[in-house]
Every structure is written in structure tokens, then in C-alpha cells.
Amino acid sequence: GLYGIGLGGVFFGESMFSRVADASKVALVHLARHLAAHGGRLI
């Protein structure tokens, strides 16, 4: 997973972690696609 701050259309990423291979990448891909679909502009 990952966590960060959301202000308007910007997500400020703070940290991520993985306990199995590629899990943090999966989190970032889902975040990016969700933001792109709902007005987010920048990570």
C-alpha cells in the first residue's frame, strides 16, 4: 500500500510498502488510474 495527502487534484505521495513482490506498484497503478478517471491531475 501507500499513503499521502490529497489537495484538490494533486496527490502528494509520502511512503509505500510491499510485503510481496510488486504490491506497492499495484497500489500506485490503481491510484493513478483512479485519479485519471476522476479529475486528479498530478502525483
ModelCIF file with pLDDT and N, C-alpha, C, O atoms, coordinates in Angstrom:
data_MODEL
#
_entry.id   MODEL 
#
_entity.id                         1 
_entity.type                       polymer 
_entity.pdbx_number_of_molecules   1 
#
_entity_poly.entity_id                      1 
_entity_poly.type                           'polypeptide(L)' 
_entity_poly.nstd_linkage                   no 
_entity_poly.nstd_monomer                   no 
_entity_poly.pdbx_seq_one_letter_code       GLYGIGLGGVFFGESMFSRVADASKVALVHLARHLAAHGGRLI 
_entity_poly.pdbx_seq_one_letter_code_can   GLYGIGLGGVFFGESMFSRVADASKVALVHLARHLAAHGGRLI 
_entity_poly.pdbx_strand_id                 A 
#
loop_
_entity_poly_seq.entity_id 
_entity_poly_seq.num 
_entity_poly_seq.mon_id 
_entity_poly_seq.hetero 
1 1  GLY n 
1 2  LEU n 
1 3  TYR n 
1 4  GLY n 
1 5  ILE n 
1 6  GLY n 
1 7  LEU n 
1 8  GLY n 
1 9  GLY n 
1 10 VAL n 
1 11 PHE n 
1 12 PHE n 
1 13 GLY n 
1 14 GLU n 
1 15 SER n 
1 16 MET n 
1 17 PHE n 
1 18 SER n 
1 19 ARG n 
1 20 VAL n 
1 21 ALA n 
1 22 ASP n 
1 23 ALA n 
1 24 SER n 
1 25 LYS n 
1 26 VAL n 
1 27 ALA n 
1 28 LEU n 
1 29 VAL n 
1 30 HIS n 
1 31 LEU n 
1 32 ALA n 
1 33 ARG n 
1 34 HIS n 
1 35 LEU n 
1 36 ALA n 
1 37 ALA n 
1 38 HIS n 
1 39 GLY n 
1 40 GLY n 
1 41 ARG n 
1 42 LEU n 
1 43 ILE n 
#
_struct_asym.id          A 
_struct_asym.entity_id   1 
#
loop_
_ma_qa_metric.id 
_ma_qa_metric.mode 
_ma_qa_metric.name 
_ma_qa_metric.software_group_id 
_ma_qa_metric.type 
1 global pLDDT . pLDDT 
2 local  pLDDT . pLDDT 
#
_ma_qa_metric_global.metric_id      1 
_ma_qa_metric_global.metric_value   95.42 
_ma_qa_metric_global.model_id       1 
_ma_qa_metric_global.ordinal_id     1 
#
loop_
_ma_qa_metric_local.label_asym_id 
_ma_qa_metric_local.label_comp_id 
_ma_qa_metric_local.label_seq_id 
_ma_qa_metric_local.metric_id 
_ma_qa_metric_local.metric_value 
_ma_qa_metric_local.model_id 
_ma_qa_metric_local.ordinal_id 
A GLY 1  2 98.00 1 1  
A LEU 2  2 98.00 1 2  
A TYR 3  2 98.00 1 3  
A GLY 4  2 97.00 1 4  
A ILE 5  2 96.00 1 5  
A GLY 6  2 95.00 1 6  
A LEU 7  2 94.00 1 7  
A GLY 8  2 93.00 1 8  
A GLY 9  2 93.00 1 9  
A VAL 10 2 96.00 1 10 
A PHE 11 2 97.00 1 11 
A PHE 12 2 98.00 1 12 
A GLY 13 2 97.00 1 13 
A GLU 14 2 97.00 1 14 
A SER 15 2 96.00 1 15 
A MET 16 2 96.00 1 16 
A PHE 17 2 97.00 1 17 
A SER 18 2 96.00 1 18 
A ARG 19 2 96.00 1 19 
A VAL 20 2 96.00 1 20 
A ALA 21 2 94.00 1 21 
A ASP 22 2 94.00 1 22 
A ALA 23 2 96.00 1 23 
A SER 24 2 96.00 1 24 
A LYS 25 2 96.00 1 25 
A VAL 26 2 96.00 1 26 
A ALA 27 2 97.00 1 27 
A LEU 28 2 97.00 1 28 
A VAL 29 2 96.00 1 29 
A HIS 30 2 96.00 1 30 
A LEU 31 2 97.00 1 31 
A ALA 32 2 96.00 1 32 
A ARG 33 2 94.00 1 33 
A HIS 34 2 94.00 1 34 
A LEU 35 2 94.00 1 35 
A ALA 36 2 93.00 1 36 
A ALA 37 2 91.00 1 37 
A HIS 38 2 90.00 1 38 
A GLY 39 2 89.00 1 39 
A GLY 40 2 93.00 1 40 
A ARG 41 2 95.00 1 41 
A LEU 42 2 97.00 1 42 
A ILE 43 2 98.00 1 43 
#
loop_
_atom_site.group_PDB 
_atom_site.id 
_atom_site.type_symbol 
_atom_site.label_atom_id 
_atom_site.label_alt_id 
_atom_site.label_comp_id 
_atom_site.label_asym_id 
_atom_site.label_entity_id 
_atom_site.label_seq_id 
_atom_site.pdbx_PDB_ins_code 
_atom_site.Cartn_x 
_atom_site.Cartn_y 
_atom_site.Cartn_z 
_atom_site.occupancy 
_atom_site.B_iso_or_equiv 
_atom_site.pdbx_formal_charge 
_atom_site.auth_seq_id 
_atom_site.auth_comp_id 
_atom_site.auth_asym_id 
_atom_site.auth_atom_id 
_atom_site.pdbx_PDB_model_num 
ATOM 1   N N  . GLY A 1 1  ? 0.812   -1.207 0.000   1.00 98.00 ? 1  GLY A N  1 
ATOM 2   C CA . GLY A 1 1  ? 0.000   0.000  0.000   1.00 98.00 ? 1  GLY A CA 1 
ATOM 3   C C  . GLY A 1 1  ? 0.841   1.251  0.000   1.00 98.00 ? 1  GLY A C  1 
ATOM 4   O O  . GLY A 1 1  ? 2.070   1.199  -0.063  1.00 98.00 ? 1  GLY A O  1 
ATOM 5   N N  . LEU A 1 2  ? 0.161   2.370  0.071   1.00 98.00 ? 2  LEU A N  1 
ATOM 6   C CA . LEU A 1 2  ? 0.810   3.676  0.117   1.00 98.00 ? 2  LEU A CA 1 
ATOM 7   C C  . LEU A 1 2  ? -0.117  4.652  0.805   1.00 98.00 ? 2  LEU A C  1 
ATOM 8   O O  . LEU A 1 2  ? -1.309  4.390  0.967   1.00 98.00 ? 2  LEU A O  1 
ATOM 9   N N  . TYR A 1 3  ? 0.451   5.803  1.218   1.00 98.00 ? 3  TYR A N  1 
ATOM 10  C CA . TYR A 1 3  ? -0.380  6.858  1.788   1.00 98.00 ? 3  TYR A CA 1 
ATOM 11  C C  . TYR A 1 3  ? 0.190   8.210  1.395   1.00 98.00 ? 3  TYR A C  1 
ATOM 12  O O  . TYR A 1 3  ? 1.352   8.322  1.005   1.00 98.00 ? 3  TYR A O  1 
ATOM 13  N N  . GLY A 1 4  ? -0.652  9.239  1.505   1.00 97.00 ? 4  GLY A N  1 
ATOM 14  C CA . GLY A 1 4  ? -0.228  10.586 1.167   1.00 97.00 ? 4  GLY A CA 1 
ATOM 15  C C  . GLY A 1 4  ? -1.343  11.584 1.419   1.00 97.00 ? 4  GLY A C  1 
ATOM 16  O O  . GLY A 1 4  ? -2.337  11.283 2.080   1.00 97.00 ? 4  GLY A O  1 
ATOM 17  N N  . ILE A 1 5  ? -1.155  12.776 0.878   1.00 96.00 ? 5  ILE A N  1 
ATOM 18  C CA . ILE A 1 5  ? -2.048  13.905 1.097   1.00 96.00 ? 5  ILE A CA 1 
ATOM 19  C C  . ILE A 1 5  ? -2.777  14.240 -0.197  1.00 96.00 ? 5  ILE A C  1 
ATOM 20  O O  . ILE A 1 5  ? -2.162  14.269 -1.263  1.00 96.00 ? 5  ILE A O  1 
ATOM 21  N N  . GLY A 1 6  ? -4.074  14.492 -0.118  1.00 95.00 ? 6  GLY A N  1 
ATOM 22  C CA . GLY A 1 6  ? -4.845  14.913 -1.279  1.00 95.00 ? 6  GLY A CA 1 
ATOM 23  C C  . GLY A 1 6  ? -5.310  16.347 -1.127  1.00 95.00 ? 6  GLY A C  1 
ATOM 24  O O  . GLY A 1 6  ? -6.064  16.663 -0.206  1.00 95.00 ? 6  GLY A O  1 
ATOM 25  N N  . LEU A 1 7  ? -4.867  17.218 -2.023  1.00 94.00 ? 7  LEU A N  1 
ATOM 26  C CA . LEU A 1 7  ? -5.337  18.606 -2.070  1.00 94.00 ? 7  LEU A CA 1 
ATOM 27  C C  . LEU A 1 7  ? -5.814  18.896 -3.479  1.00 94.00 ? 7  LEU A C  1 
ATOM 28  O O  . LEU A 1 7  ? -5.019  18.914 -4.419  1.00 94.00 ? 7  LEU A O  1 
ATOM 29  N N  . GLY A 1 8  ? -7.120  19.126 -3.629  1.00 93.00 ? 8  GLY A N  1 
ATOM 30  C CA . GLY A 1 8  ? -7.654  19.357 -4.962  1.00 93.00 ? 8  GLY A CA 1 
ATOM 31  C C  . GLY A 1 8  ? -7.348  18.186 -5.873  1.00 93.00 ? 8  GLY A C  1 
ATOM 32  O O  . GLY A 1 8  ? -7.640  17.036 -5.547  1.00 93.00 ? 8  GLY A O  1 
ATOM 33  N N  . GLY A 1 9  ? -6.751  18.491 -7.025  1.00 93.00 ? 9  GLY A N  1 
ATOM 34  C CA . GLY A 1 9  ? -6.422  17.455 -7.989  1.00 93.00 ? 9  GLY A CA 1 
ATOM 35  C C  . GLY A 1 9  ? -5.018  16.910 -7.854  1.00 93.00 ? 9  GLY A C  1 
ATOM 36  O O  . GLY A 1 9  ? -4.528  16.254 -8.773  1.00 93.00 ? 9  GLY A O  1 
ATOM 37  N N  . VAL A 1 10 ? -4.357  17.160 -6.737  1.00 96.00 ? 10 VAL A N  1 
ATOM 38  C CA . VAL A 1 10 ? -2.975  16.710 -6.532  1.00 96.00 ? 10 VAL A CA 1 
ATOM 39  C C  . VAL A 1 10 ? -2.916  15.730 -5.368  1.00 96.00 ? 10 VAL A C  1 
ATOM 40  O O  . VAL A 1 10 ? -3.491  15.975 -4.308  1.00 96.00 ? 10 VAL A O  1 
ATOM 41  N N  . PHE A 1 11 ? -2.213  14.617 -5.575  1.00 97.00 ? 11 PHE A N  1 
ATOM 42  C CA . PHE A 1 11 ? -1.923  13.675 -4.501  1.00 97.00 ? 11 PHE A CA 1 
ATOM 43  C C  . PHE A 1 11 ? -0.436  13.751 -4.207  1.00 97.00 ? 11 PHE A C  1 
ATOM 44  O O  . PHE A 1 11 ? 0.392   13.565 -5.099  1.00 97.00 ? 11 PHE A O  1 
ATOM 45  N N  . PHE A 1 12 ? -0.098  14.028 -2.943  1.00 98.00 ? 12 PHE A N  1 
ATOM 46  C CA . PHE A 1 12 ? 1.292   14.136 -2.515  1.00 98.00 ? 12 PHE A CA 1 
ATOM 47  C C  . PHE A 1 12 ? 1.678   12.821 -1.846  1.00 98.00 ? 12 PHE A C  1 
ATOM 48  O O  . PHE A 1 12 ? 1.334   12.583 -0.688  1.00 98.00 ? 12 PHE A O  1 
ATOM 49  N N  . GLY A 1 13 ? 2.389   11.976 -2.573  1.00 97.00 ? 13 GLY A N  1 
ATOM 50  C CA . GLY A 1 13 ? 2.763   10.688 -2.036  1.00 97.00 ? 13 GLY A CA 1 
ATOM 51  C C  . GLY A 1 13 ? 3.798   10.812 -0.933  1.00 97.00 ? 13 GLY A C  1 
ATOM 52  O O  . GLY A 1 13 ? 4.739   11.597 -1.045  1.00 97.00 ? 13 GLY A O  1 
ATOM 53  N N  . GLU A 1 14 ? 3.626   10.037 0.135   1.00 97.00 ? 14 GLU A N  1 
ATOM 54  C CA . GLU A 1 14 ? 4.544   10.090 1.262   1.00 97.00 ? 14 GLU A CA 1 
ATOM 55  C C  . GLU A 1 14 ? 5.375   8.813  1.398   1.00 97.00 ? 14 GLU A C  1 
ATOM 56  O O  . GLU A 1 14 ? 6.597   8.895  1.523   1.00 97.00 ? 14 GLU A O  1 
ATOM 57  N N  . SER A 1 15 ? 4.753   7.652  1.378   1.00 96.00 ? 15 SER A N  1 
ATOM 58  C CA . SER A 1 15 ? 5.516   6.422  1.535   1.00 96.00 ? 15 SER A CA 1 
ATOM 59  C C  . SER A 1 15 ? 4.689   5.252  1.009   1.00 96.00 ? 15 SER A C  1 
ATOM 60  O O  . SER A 1 15 ? 3.465   5.334  0.903   1.00 96.00 ? 15 SER A O  1 
ATOM 61  N N  . MET A 1 16 ? 5.384   4.160  0.682   1.00 96.00 ? 16 MET A N  1 
ATOM 62  C CA . MET A 1 16 ? 4.723   2.945  0.221   1.00 96.00 ? 16 MET A CA 1 
ATOM 63  C C  . MET A 1 16 ? 5.470   1.741  0.777   1.00 96.00 ? 16 MET A C  1 
ATOM 64  O O  . MET A 1 16 ? 6.615   1.859  1.214   1.00 96.00 ? 16 MET A O  1 
ATOM 65  N N  . PHE A 1 17 ? 4.820   0.591  0.758   1.00 97.00 ? 17 PHE A N  1 
ATOM 66  C CA . PHE A 1 17 ? 5.464   -0.622 1.245   1.00 97.00 ? 17 PHE A CA 1 
ATOM 67  C C  . PHE A 1 17 ? 4.955   -1.820 0.476   1.00 97.00 ? 17 PHE A C  1 
ATOM 68  O O  . PHE A 1 17 ? 3.880   -1.782 -0.122  1.00 97.00 ? 17 PHE A O  1 
ATOM 69  N N  . SER A 1 18 ? 5.748   -2.898 0.499   1.00 96.00 ? 18 SER A N  1 
ATOM 70  C CA . SER A 1 18 ? 5.372   -4.175 -0.107  1.00 96.00 ? 18 SER A CA 1 
ATOM 71  C C  . SER A 1 18 ? 5.788   -5.300 0.810   1.00 96.00 ? 18 SER A C  1 
ATOM 72  O O  . SER A 1 18 ? 6.901   -5.306 1.335   1.00 96.00 ? 18 SER A O  1 
ATOM 73  N N  . ARG A 1 19 ? 4.904   -6.242 0.999   1.00 96.00 ? 19 ARG A N  1 
ATOM 74  C CA . ARG A 1 19 ? 5.250   -7.481 1.694   1.00 96.00 ? 19 ARG A CA 1 
ATOM 75  C C  . ARG A 1 19 ? 5.334   -8.651 0.741   1.00 96.00 ? 19 ARG A C  1 
ATOM 76  O O  . ARG A 1 19 ? 5.840   -9.713 1.103   1.00 96.00 ? 19 ARG A O  1 
ATOM 77  N N  . VAL A 1 20 ? 4.842   -8.470 -0.481  1.00 96.00 ? 20 VAL A N  1 
ATOM 78  C CA . VAL A 1 20 ? 5.026   -9.440 -1.560  1.00 96.00 ? 20 VAL A CA 1 
ATOM 79  C C  . VAL A 1 20 ? 5.445   -8.664 -2.794  1.00 96.00 ? 20 VAL A C  1 
ATOM 80  O O  . VAL A 1 20 ? 5.264   -7.448 -2.856  1.00 96.00 ? 20 VAL A O  1 
ATOM 81  N N  . ALA A 1 21 ? 5.992   -9.343 -3.759  1.00 94.00 ? 21 ALA A N  1 
ATOM 82  C CA . ALA A 1 21 ? 6.538   -8.686 -4.941  1.00 94.00 ? 21 ALA A CA 1 
ATOM 83  C C  . ALA A 1 21 ? 5.490   -7.820 -5.640  1.00 94.00 ? 21 ALA A C  1 
ATOM 84  O O  . ALA A 1 21 ? 4.370   -8.260 -5.901  1.00 94.00 ? 21 ALA A O  1 
ATOM 85  N N  . ASP A 1 22 ? 5.882   -6.579 -5.937  1.00 94.00 ? 22 ASP A N  1 
ATOM 86  C CA . ASP A 1 22 ? 5.114   -5.642 -6.762  1.00 94.00 ? 22 ASP A CA 1 
ATOM 87  C C  . ASP A 1 22 ? 3.854   -5.089 -6.102  1.00 94.00 ? 22 ASP A C  1 
ATOM 88  O O  . ASP A 1 22 ? 3.079   -4.407 -6.772  1.00 94.00 ? 22 ASP A O  1 
ATOM 89  N N  . ALA A 1 23 ? 3.615   -5.353 -4.819  1.00 96.00 ? 23 ALA A N  1 
ATOM 90  C CA . ALA A 1 23 ? 2.371   -4.884 -4.205  1.00 96.00 ? 23 ALA A CA 1 
ATOM 91  C C  . ALA A 1 23 ? 2.300   -3.362 -4.153  1.00 96.00 ? 23 ALA A C  1 
ATOM 92  O O  . ALA A 1 23 ? 1.223   -2.799 -4.349  1.00 96.00 ? 23 ALA A O  1 
ATOM 93  N N  . SER A 1 24 ? 3.416   -2.676 -3.895  1.00 96.00 ? 24 SER A N  1 
ATOM 94  C CA . SER A 1 24 ? 3.378   -1.217 -3.879  1.00 96.00 ? 24 SER A CA 1 
ATOM 95  C C  . SER A 1 24 ? 3.139   -0.670 -5.278  1.00 96.00 ? 24 SER A C  1 
ATOM 96  O O  . SER A 1 24 ? 2.472   0.352  -5.440  1.00 96.00 ? 24 SER A O  1 
ATOM 97  N N  . LYS A 1 25 ? 3.679   -1.343 -6.290  1.00 96.00 ? 25 LYS A N  1 
ATOM 98  C CA . LYS A 1 25 ? 3.432   -0.917 -7.674  1.00 96.00 ? 25 LYS A CA 1 
ATOM 99  C C  . LYS A 1 25 ? 1.956   -1.062 -8.018  1.00 96.00 ? 25 LYS A C  1 
ATOM 100 O O  . LYS A 1 25 ? 1.382   -0.206 -8.690  1.00 96.00 ? 25 LYS A O  1 
ATOM 101 N N  . VAL A 1 26 ? 1.348   -2.144 -7.558  1.00 96.00 ? 26 VAL A N  1 
ATOM 102 C CA . VAL A 1 26 ? -0.090  -2.345 -7.793  1.00 96.00 ? 26 VAL A CA 1 
ATOM 103 C C  . VAL A 1 26 ? -0.887  -1.205 -7.161  1.00 96.00 ? 26 VAL A C  1 
ATOM 104 O O  . VAL A 1 26 ? -1.835  -0.702 -7.764  1.00 96.00 ? 26 VAL A O  1 
ATOM 105 N N  . ALA A 1 27 ? -0.507  -0.796 -5.951  1.00 97.00 ? 27 ALA A N  1 
ATOM 106 C CA . ALA A 1 27 ? -1.191  0.318  -5.294  1.00 97.00 ? 27 ALA A CA 1 
ATOM 107 C C  . ALA A 1 27 ? -1.060  1.593  -6.116  1.00 97.00 ? 27 ALA A C  1 
ATOM 108 O O  . ALA A 1 27 ? -2.042  2.313  -6.299  1.00 97.00 ? 27 ALA A O  1 
ATOM 109 N N  . LEU A 1 28 ? 0.136   1.880  -6.612  1.00 97.00 ? 28 LEU A N  1 
ATOM 110 C CA . LEU A 1 28 ? 0.344   3.111  -7.373  1.00 97.00 ? 28 LEU A CA 1 
ATOM 111 C C  . LEU A 1 28 ? -0.399  3.092  -8.697  1.00 97.00 ? 28 LEU A C  1 
ATOM 112 O O  . LEU A 1 28 ? -0.948  4.112  -9.113  1.00 97.00 ? 28 LEU A O  1 
ATOM 113 N N  . VAL A 1 29 ? -0.425  1.947  -9.363  1.00 96.00 ? 29 VAL A N  1 
ATOM 114 C CA . VAL A 1 29 ? -1.160  1.852  -10.627 1.00 96.00 ? 29 VAL A CA 1 
ATOM 115 C C  . VAL A 1 29 ? -2.644  2.116  -10.401 1.00 96.00 ? 29 VAL A C  1 
ATOM 116 O O  . VAL A 1 29 ? -3.254  2.868  -11.162 1.00 96.00 ? 29 VAL A O  1 
ATOM 117 N N  . HIS A 1 30 ? -3.232  1.519  -9.380  1.00 96.00 ? 30 HIS A N  1 
ATOM 118 C CA . HIS A 1 30 ? -4.650  1.743  -9.108  1.00 96.00 ? 30 HIS A CA 1 
ATOM 119 C C  . HIS A 1 30 ? -4.913  3.195  -8.721  1.00 96.00 ? 30 HIS A C  1 
ATOM 120 O O  . HIS A 1 30 ? -5.916  3.775  -9.136  1.00 96.00 ? 30 HIS A O  1 
ATOM 121 N N  . LEU A 1 31 ? -4.014  3.788  -7.924  1.00 97.00 ? 31 LEU A N  1 
ATOM 122 C CA . LEU A 1 31 ? -4.176  5.191  -7.568  1.00 97.00 ? 31 LEU A CA 1 
ATOM 123 C C  . LEU A 1 31 ? -4.141  6.070  -8.803  1.00 97.00 ? 31 LEU A C  1 
ATOM 124 O O  . LEU A 1 31 ? -5.012  6.923  -8.975  1.00 97.00 ? 31 LEU A O  1 
ATOM 125 N N  . ALA A 1 32 ? -3.150  5.880  -9.671  1.00 96.00 ? 32 ALA A N  1 
ATOM 126 C CA . ALA A 1 32 ? -3.016  6.713  -10.862 1.00 96.00 ? 32 ALA A CA 1 
ATOM 127 C C  . ALA A 1 32 ? -4.234  6.595  -11.765 1.00 96.00 ? 32 ALA A C  1 
ATOM 128 O O  . ALA A 1 32 ? -4.727  7.601  -12.275 1.00 96.00 ? 32 ALA A O  1 
ATOM 129 N N  . ARG A 1 33 ? -4.718  5.392  -11.964 1.00 94.00 ? 33 ARG A N  1 
ATOM 130 C CA . ARG A 1 33 ? -5.868  5.211  -12.846 1.00 94.00 ? 33 ARG A CA 1 
ATOM 131 C C  . ARG A 1 33 ? -7.150  5.762  -12.228 1.00 94.00 ? 33 ARG A C  1 
ATOM 132 O O  . ARG A 1 33 ? -8.009  6.286  -12.937 1.00 94.00 ? 33 ARG A O  1 
ATOM 133 N N  . HIS A 1 34 ? -7.275  5.645  -10.922 1.00 94.00 ? 34 HIS A N  1 
ATOM 134 C CA . HIS A 1 34 ? -8.431  6.231  -10.251 1.00 94.00 ? 34 HIS A CA 1 
ATOM 135 C C  . HIS A 1 34 ? -8.396  7.755  -10.352 1.00 94.00 ? 34 HIS A C  1 
ATOM 136 O O  . HIS A 1 34 ? -9.421  8.376  -10.635 1.00 94.00 ? 34 HIS A O  1 
ATOM 137 N N  . LEU A 1 35 ? -7.238  8.362  -10.125 1.00 94.00 ? 35 LEU A N  1 
ATOM 138 C CA . LEU A 1 35 ? -7.126  9.816  -10.235 1.00 94.00 ? 35 LEU A CA 1 
ATOM 139 C C  . LEU A 1 35 ? -7.413  10.276 -11.658 1.00 94.00 ? 35 LEU A C  1 
ATOM 140 O O  . LEU A 1 35 ? -8.135  11.253 -11.861 1.00 94.00 ? 35 LEU A O  1 
ATOM 141 N N  . ALA A 1 36 ? -6.858  9.585  -12.637 1.00 93.00 ? 36 ALA A N  1 
ATOM 142 C CA . ALA A 1 36 ? -7.081  9.964  -14.022 1.00 93.00 ? 36 ALA A CA 1 
ATOM 143 C C  . ALA A 1 36 ? -8.560  9.914  -14.383 1.00 93.00 ? 36 ALA A C  1 
ATOM 144 O O  . ALA A 1 36 ? -9.033  10.735 -15.169 1.00 93.00 ? 36 ALA A O  1 
ATOM 145 N N  . ALA A 1 37 ? -9.291  8.963  -13.819 1.00 91.00 ? 37 ALA A N  1 
ATOM 146 C CA . ALA A 1 37 ? -10.716 8.807  -14.137 1.00 91.00 ? 37 ALA A CA 1 
ATOM 147 C C  . ALA A 1 37 ? -11.592 9.829  -13.426 1.00 91.00 ? 37 ALA A C  1 
ATOM 148 O O  . ALA A 1 37 ? -12.717 10.077 -13.859 1.00 91.00 ? 37 ALA A O  1 
ATOM 149 N N  . HIS A 1 38 ? -11.096 10.435 -12.333 1.00 90.00 ? 38 HIS A N  1 
ATOM 150 C CA . HIS A 1 38 ? -11.949 11.282 -11.510 1.00 90.00 ? 38 HIS A CA 1 
ATOM 151 C C  . HIS A 1 38 ? -11.393 12.688 -11.277 1.00 90.00 ? 38 HIS A C  1 
ATOM 152 O O  . HIS A 1 38 ? -11.684 13.309 -10.255 1.00 90.00 ? 38 HIS A O  1 
ATOM 153 N N  . GLY A 1 39 ? -10.606 13.183 -12.206 1.00 89.00 ? 39 GLY A N  1 
ATOM 154 C CA . GLY A 1 39 ? -10.193 14.576 -12.131 1.00 89.00 ? 39 GLY A CA 1 
ATOM 155 C C  . GLY A 1 39 ? -8.873  14.842 -11.470 1.00 89.00 ? 39 GLY A C  1 
ATOM 156 O O  . GLY A 1 39 ? -8.475  16.003 -11.373 1.00 89.00 ? 39 GLY A O  1 
ATOM 157 N N  . GLY A 1 40 ? -8.163  13.824 -11.005 1.00 93.00 ? 40 GLY A N  1 
ATOM 158 C CA . GLY A 1 40 ? -6.838  14.045 -10.440 1.00 93.00 ? 40 GLY A CA 1 
ATOM 159 C C  . GLY A 1 40 ? -5.850  14.405 -11.524 1.00 93.00 ? 40 GLY A C  1 
ATOM 160 O O  . GLY A 1 40 ? -5.919  13.866 -12.629 1.00 93.00 ? 40 GLY A O  1 
ATOM 161 N N  . ARG A 1 41 ? -4.930  15.306 -11.228 1.00 95.00 ? 41 ARG A N  1 
ATOM 162 C CA . ARG A 1 41 ? -4.047  15.818 -12.263 1.00 95.00 ? 41 ARG A CA 1 
ATOM 163 C C  . ARG A 1 41 ? -2.570  15.492 -12.062 1.00 95.00 ? 41 ARG A C  1 
ATOM 164 O O  . ARG A 1 41 ? -1.806  15.472 -13.026 1.00 95.00 ? 41 ARG A O  1 
ATOM 165 N N  . LEU A 1 42 ? -2.161  15.238 -10.821 1.00 97.00 ? 42 LEU A N  1 
ATOM 166 C CA . LEU A 1 42 ? -0.726  15.122 -10.578 1.00 97.00 ? 42 LEU A CA 1 
ATOM 167 C C  . LEU A 1 42 ? -0.478  14.316 -9.303  1.00 97.00 ? 42 LEU A C  1 
ATOM 168 O O  . LEU A 1 42 ? -1.198  14.461 -8.315  1.00 97.00 ? 42 LEU A O  1 
ATOM 169 N N  . ILE A 1 43 ? 0.557   13.459 -9.338  1.00 98.00 ? 43 ILE A N  1 
ATOM 170 C CA . ILE A 1 43 ? 1.036   12.762 -8.149  1.00 98.00 ? 43 ILE A CA 1 
ATOM 171 C C  . ILE A 1 43 ? 2.445   13.264 -7.860  1.00 98.00 ? 43 ILE A C  1 
ATOM 172 O O  . ILE A 1 43 ? 3.072   12.822 -6.897  1.00 98.00 ? 43 ILE A O  1 
#
